C-alpha atoms as a PDB file:
ATOM      1  CA  MET A   1      11.564  15.804 -25.638  1.00  0.00           C
ATOM      2  CA  ARG A   2      11.309  12.209 -24.432  1.00  0.00           C
ATOM      3  CA  PHE A   3      12.195  10.868 -21.013  1.00  0.00           C
ATOM      4  CA  THR A   4      13.759   7.390 -20.934  1.00  0.00           C
ATOM      5  CA  VAL A   5      13.408   5.031 -17.985  1.00  0.00           C
ATOM      6  CA  ALA A   6      15.279   1.747 -17.549  1.00  0.00           C
ATOM      7  CA  VAL A   7      12.605  -0.690 -16.364  1.00  0.00           C
ATOM      8  CA  PRO A   8      13.803  -4.030 -14.980  1.00  0.00           C
ATOM      9  CA  MET A   9      11.888  -7.164 -15.862  1.00  0.00           C
ATOM     10  CA  ARG A  10      10.953  -9.692 -13.212  1.00  0.00           C
ATOM     11  CA  TRP A  11      10.938 -13.431 -13.800  1.00  0.00           C
ATOM     12  CA  SER A  12       7.299 -13.408 -12.685  1.00  0.00           C
ATOM     13  CA  ASP A  13       6.442 -11.034 -15.577  1.00  0.00           C
ATOM     14  CA  MET A  14       6.549 -13.997 -17.960  1.00  0.00           C
ATOM     15  CA  ASP A  15       3.504 -16.080 -18.780  1.00  0.00           C
ATOM     16  CA  ALA A  16       3.021 -19.753 -19.695  1.00  0.00           C
ATOM     17  CA  TYR A  17       4.103 -18.991 -23.271  1.00  0.00           C
ATOM     18  CA  GLY A  18       7.572 -17.900 -22.158  1.00  0.00           C
ATOM     19  CA  HIS A  19       7.287 -14.168 -22.898  1.00  0.00           C
ATOM     20  CA  VAL A  20       6.361 -11.094 -20.883  1.00  0.00           C
ATOM     21  CA  ASN A  21       2.611 -11.164 -20.287  1.00  0.00           C
ATOM     22  CA  ASN A  22       0.723  -8.494 -22.209  1.00  0.00           C
ATOM     23  CA  VAL A  23      -0.900  -6.966 -19.108  1.00  0.00           C
ATOM     24  CA  VAL A  24       2.510  -6.343 -17.481  1.00  0.00           C
ATOM     25  CA  TYR A  25       3.212  -3.527 -19.942  1.00  0.00           C
ATOM     26  CA  LEU A  26       0.658  -1.378 -18.150  1.00  0.00           C
ATOM     27  CA  GLN A  27       2.864  -1.685 -15.055  1.00  0.00           C
ATOM     28  CA  TYR A  28       5.915  -0.720 -17.122  1.00  0.00           C
ATOM     29  CA  PHE A  29       4.010   2.337 -18.399  1.00  0.00           C
ATOM     30  CA  GLU A  30       3.107   3.246 -14.825  1.00  0.00           C
ATOM     31  CA  MET A  31       6.746   2.967 -13.745  1.00  0.00           C
ATOM     32  CA  ALA A  32       7.730   5.404 -16.500  1.00  0.00           C
ATOM     33  CA  ARG A  33       5.003   7.869 -15.455  1.00  0.00           C
ATOM     34  CA  VAL A  34       6.081   7.721 -11.803  1.00  0.00           C
ATOM     35  CA  ALA A  35       9.714   8.285 -12.781  1.00  0.00           C
ATOM     36  CA  LEU A  36       8.807  11.366 -14.837  1.00  0.00           C
ATOM     37  CA  PHE A  37       5.987  12.924 -12.830  1.00  0.00           C
ATOM     38  CA  PHE A  38       7.359  12.302  -9.342  1.00  0.00           C
ATOM     39  CA  GLU A  39      11.074  11.471  -9.387  1.00  0.00           C
ATOM     40  CA  ARG A  40      12.133  13.805 -12.239  1.00  0.00           C
ATOM     41  CA  ALA A  41       9.866  16.584 -10.981  1.00  0.00           C
ATOM     42  CA  SER A  42      11.396  16.286  -7.489  1.00  0.00           C
ATOM     43  CA  LEU A  43      14.913  16.638  -8.923  1.00  0.00           C
ATOM     44  CA  GLU A  44      13.767  19.900 -10.488  1.00  0.00           C
ATOM     45  CA  GLU A  45      12.164  20.953  -7.177  1.00  0.00           C
ATOM     46  CA  ARG A  46       8.712  20.935  -8.756  1.00  0.00           C
ATOM     47  CA  THR A  47       5.519  19.356  -7.602  1.00  0.00           C
ATOM     48  CA  GLY A  48       5.063  17.398 -10.835  1.00  0.00           C
ATOM     49  CA  LEU A  49       1.624  15.851 -10.711  1.00  0.00           C
ATOM     50  CA  ARG A  50       1.588  15.030  -7.007  1.00  0.00           C
ATOM     51  CA  ARG A  51      -1.884  16.532  -6.636  1.00  0.00           C
ATOM     52  CA  GLY A  52      -3.207  13.474  -8.431  1.00  0.00           C
ATOM     53  CA  THR A  53      -4.268  12.040 -11.758  1.00  0.00           C
ATOM     54  CA  VAL A  54      -6.490   9.168 -12.825  1.00  0.00           C
ATOM     55  CA  VAL A  55      -6.260   6.959 -15.902  1.00  0.00           C
ATOM     56  CA  ALA A  56      -9.132   7.486 -18.337  1.00  0.00           C
ATOM     57  CA  ALA A  57      -7.963   5.121 -21.115  1.00  0.00           C
ATOM     58  CA  HIS A  58      -5.064   2.954 -22.318  1.00  0.00           C
ATOM     59  CA  GLU A  59      -4.023   1.822 -25.804  1.00  0.00           C
ATOM     60  CA  ILE A  60      -1.309  -0.773 -26.452  1.00  0.00           C
ATOM     61  CA  ALA A  61       0.155  -2.210 -29.665  1.00  0.00           C
ATOM     62  CA  TYR A  62       2.415  -5.264 -29.393  1.00  0.00           C
ATOM     63  CA  LYS A  63       5.172  -5.300 -32.028  1.00  0.00           C
ATOM     64  CA  ARG A  64       7.225  -8.303 -30.908  1.00  0.00           C
ATOM     65  CA  PRO A  65       7.355 -10.700 -27.959  1.00  0.00           C
ATOM     66  CA  VAL A  66       9.774  -9.971 -25.125  1.00  0.00           C
ATOM     67  CA  VAL A  67      11.420 -12.709 -23.074  1.00  0.00           C
ATOM     68  CA  TYR A  68      13.013 -12.213 -19.679  1.00  0.00           C
ATOM     69  CA  SER A  69      16.472 -10.646 -19.634  1.00  0.00           C
ATOM     70  CA  SER A  70      18.553  -9.229 -16.821  1.00  0.00           C
ATOM     71  CA  ARG A  71      18.997  -6.176 -19.052  1.00  0.00           C
ATOM     72  CA  PRO A  72      16.243  -3.625 -18.345  1.00  0.00           C
ATOM     73  CA  LEU A  73      13.813  -2.484 -20.981  1.00  0.00           C
ATOM     74  CA  ASP A  74      14.101   1.121 -22.135  1.00  0.00           C
ATOM     75  CA  VAL A  75      10.729   2.838 -21.856  1.00  0.00           C
ATOM     76  CA  GLN A  76      10.469   6.212 -23.554  1.00  0.00           C
ATOM     77  CA  ILE A  77       7.647   8.462 -22.372  1.00  0.00           C
ATOM     78  CA  TRP A  78       6.418  11.792 -23.706  1.00  0.00           C
ATOM     79  CA  VAL A  79       3.305  13.940 -23.519  1.00  0.00           C
ATOM     80  CA  SER A  80       0.821  15.359 -26.034  1.00  0.00           C
ATOM     81  CA  GLY A  81      -2.676  16.805 -26.141  1.00  0.00           C
ATOM     82  CA  ILE A  82      -2.358  18.960 -23.039  1.00  0.00           C
ATOM     83  CA  ARG A  83      -5.816  20.401 -22.367  1.00  0.00           C
ATOM     84  CA  ALA A  84      -7.415  22.109 -19.386  1.00  0.00           C
ATOM     85  CA  ALA A  85      -8.318  18.837 -17.673  1.00  0.00           C
ATOM     86  CA  ALA A  86      -6.591  16.014 -19.562  1.00  0.00           C
ATOM     87  CA  PHE A  87      -3.384  15.022 -21.357  1.00  0.00           C
ATOM     88  CA  THR A  88      -1.943  11.946 -23.063  1.00  0.00           C
ATOM     89  CA  CYS A  89       1.258  10.052 -22.291  1.00  0.00           C
ATOM     90  CA  HIS A  90       2.837   8.015 -25.081  1.00  0.00           C
ATOM     91  CA  TYR A  91       5.288   5.165 -24.665  1.00  0.00           C
ATOM     92  CA  GLU A  92       7.737   3.159 -26.744  1.00  0.00           C
ATOM     93  CA  VAL A  93       9.243   0.081 -25.096  1.00  0.00           C
ATOM     94  CA  PHE A  94      12.577  -1.121 -26.430  1.00  0.00           C
ATOM     95  CA  ASP A  95      14.045  -4.567 -25.779  1.00  0.00           C
ATOM     96  CA  HIS A  96      17.753  -4.612 -26.702  1.00  0.00           C
ATOM     97  CA  GLU A  97      17.198  -1.569 -28.992  1.00  0.00           C
ATOM     98  CA  ASN A  98      14.258  -3.281 -30.752  1.00  0.00           C
ATOM     99  CA  LEU A  99      10.842  -1.615 -30.567  1.00  0.00           C
ATOM    100  CA  ALA A 100       8.603  -4.139 -28.798  1.00  0.00           C
ATOM    101  CA  VAL A 101       5.516  -2.232 -27.636  1.00  0.00           C
ATOM    102  CA  THR A 102       3.895   1.158 -28.178  1.00  0.00           C
ATOM    103  CA  GLY A 103       1.104   2.637 -26.149  1.00  0.00           C
ATOM    104  CA  SER A 104      -0.644   5.644 -24.736  1.00  0.00           C
ATOM    105  CA  THR A 105      -2.552   6.626 -21.615  1.00  0.00           C
ATOM    106  CA  LEU A 106      -5.160   9.365 -21.359  1.00  0.00           C
ATOM    107  CA  LEU A 107      -4.856  10.958 -17.914  1.00  0.00           C
ATOM    108  CA  ALA A 108      -7.113  13.396 -16.103  1.00  0.00           C
ATOM    109  CA  PRO A 109      -6.072  15.497 -13.104  1.00  0.00           C
ATOM    110  CA  PHE A 110      -8.070  14.618 -10.009  1.00  0.00           C
ATOM    111  CA  ASP A 111      -8.514  16.084  -6.550  1.00  0.00           C
ATOM    112  CA  PHE A 112      -8.749  13.109  -4.215  1.00  0.00           C
ATOM    113  CA  SER A 113      -9.596  15.284  -1.196  1.00  0.00           C
ATOM    114  CA  ILE A 114     -12.991  16.119  -2.711  1.00  0.00           C
ATOM    115  CA  ASP A 115     -13.237  13.113  -5.053  1.00  0.00           C
ATOM    116  CA  ARG A 116     -13.638  15.302  -8.162  1.00  0.00           C
ATOM    117  CA  PRO A 117     -11.816  16.039 -11.412  1.00  0.00           C
ATOM    118  CA  ARG A 118      -9.797  19.239 -11.472  1.00  0.00           C
ATOM    119  CA  ARG A 119      -7.989  21.447 -13.959  1.00  0.00           C
ATOM    120  CA  LEU A 120      -4.249  21.357 -14.564  1.00  0.00           C
ATOM    121  CA  THR A 121      -2.384  24.184 -12.862  1.00  0.00           C
ATOM    122  CA  PRO A 122      -0.214  26.513 -14.976  1.00  0.00           C
ATOM    123  CA  ASP A 123       2.889  24.950 -13.371  1.00  0.00           C
ATOM    124  CA  GLU A 124       1.694  21.441 -14.287  1.00  0.00           C
ATOM    125  CA  LYS A 125       0.982  22.497 -17.872  1.00  0.00           C
ATOM    126  CA  GLU A 126       4.437  24.052 -18.171  1.00  0.00           C
ATOM    127  CA  PHE A 127       6.092  20.907 -16.799  1.00  0.00           C
ATOM    128  CA  LEU A 128       4.117  18.655 -19.164  1.00  0.00           C
ATOM    129  CA  ALA A 129       4.824  20.866 -22.190  1.00  0.00           C
ATOM    130  CA  ARG A 130       8.565  20.334 -21.705  1.00  0.00           C
ATOM    131  CA  TRP A 131       8.068  16.623 -22.384  1.00  0.00           C
ATOM    132  CA  GLY A 132       6.203  16.977 -25.669  1.00  0.00           C
ATOM    133  CA  ASP A 133       7.263  14.916 -28.676  1.00  0.00           C
ATOM    134  CA  GLU A 134       5.802  12.829 -31.503  1.00  0.00           C
ATOM    135  CA  PRO A 135       5.929   9.054 -32.128  1.00  0.00           C
ATOM    136  CA  ALA A 136       8.763   7.842 -34.351  1.00  0.00           C
ATOM    137  CA  GLY A 137       7.746   6.771 -37.812  1.00  0.00           C
END
């Protein structure tokens, strides 16, 4: 199942070429992760991934340029590859129903109190598994 987040664009997201700067999509991906792992988890009275994660890698594919609009982008996020100490988030960014960007982030759970990687808890794995899906086409 995918989770969809309406992500507003800011005028400052645009670059000198008049479209959303390519690096800004990483911020949009982060906003989707926060909405799922913190806000959605809180609504379900779960801890989500509040214990901490770190980004191990990003991949992005740009399908079409996006120009500023007051209408938010729709960012779909879902999870795959849940392992003992890592998982992948996937994203599809839609601008007015048109697929504009796809991407993924490899995340690793991390214990910031001891500055070390950690394993996912059973509760975290169960939460992540609910948001599994596959890319469209």
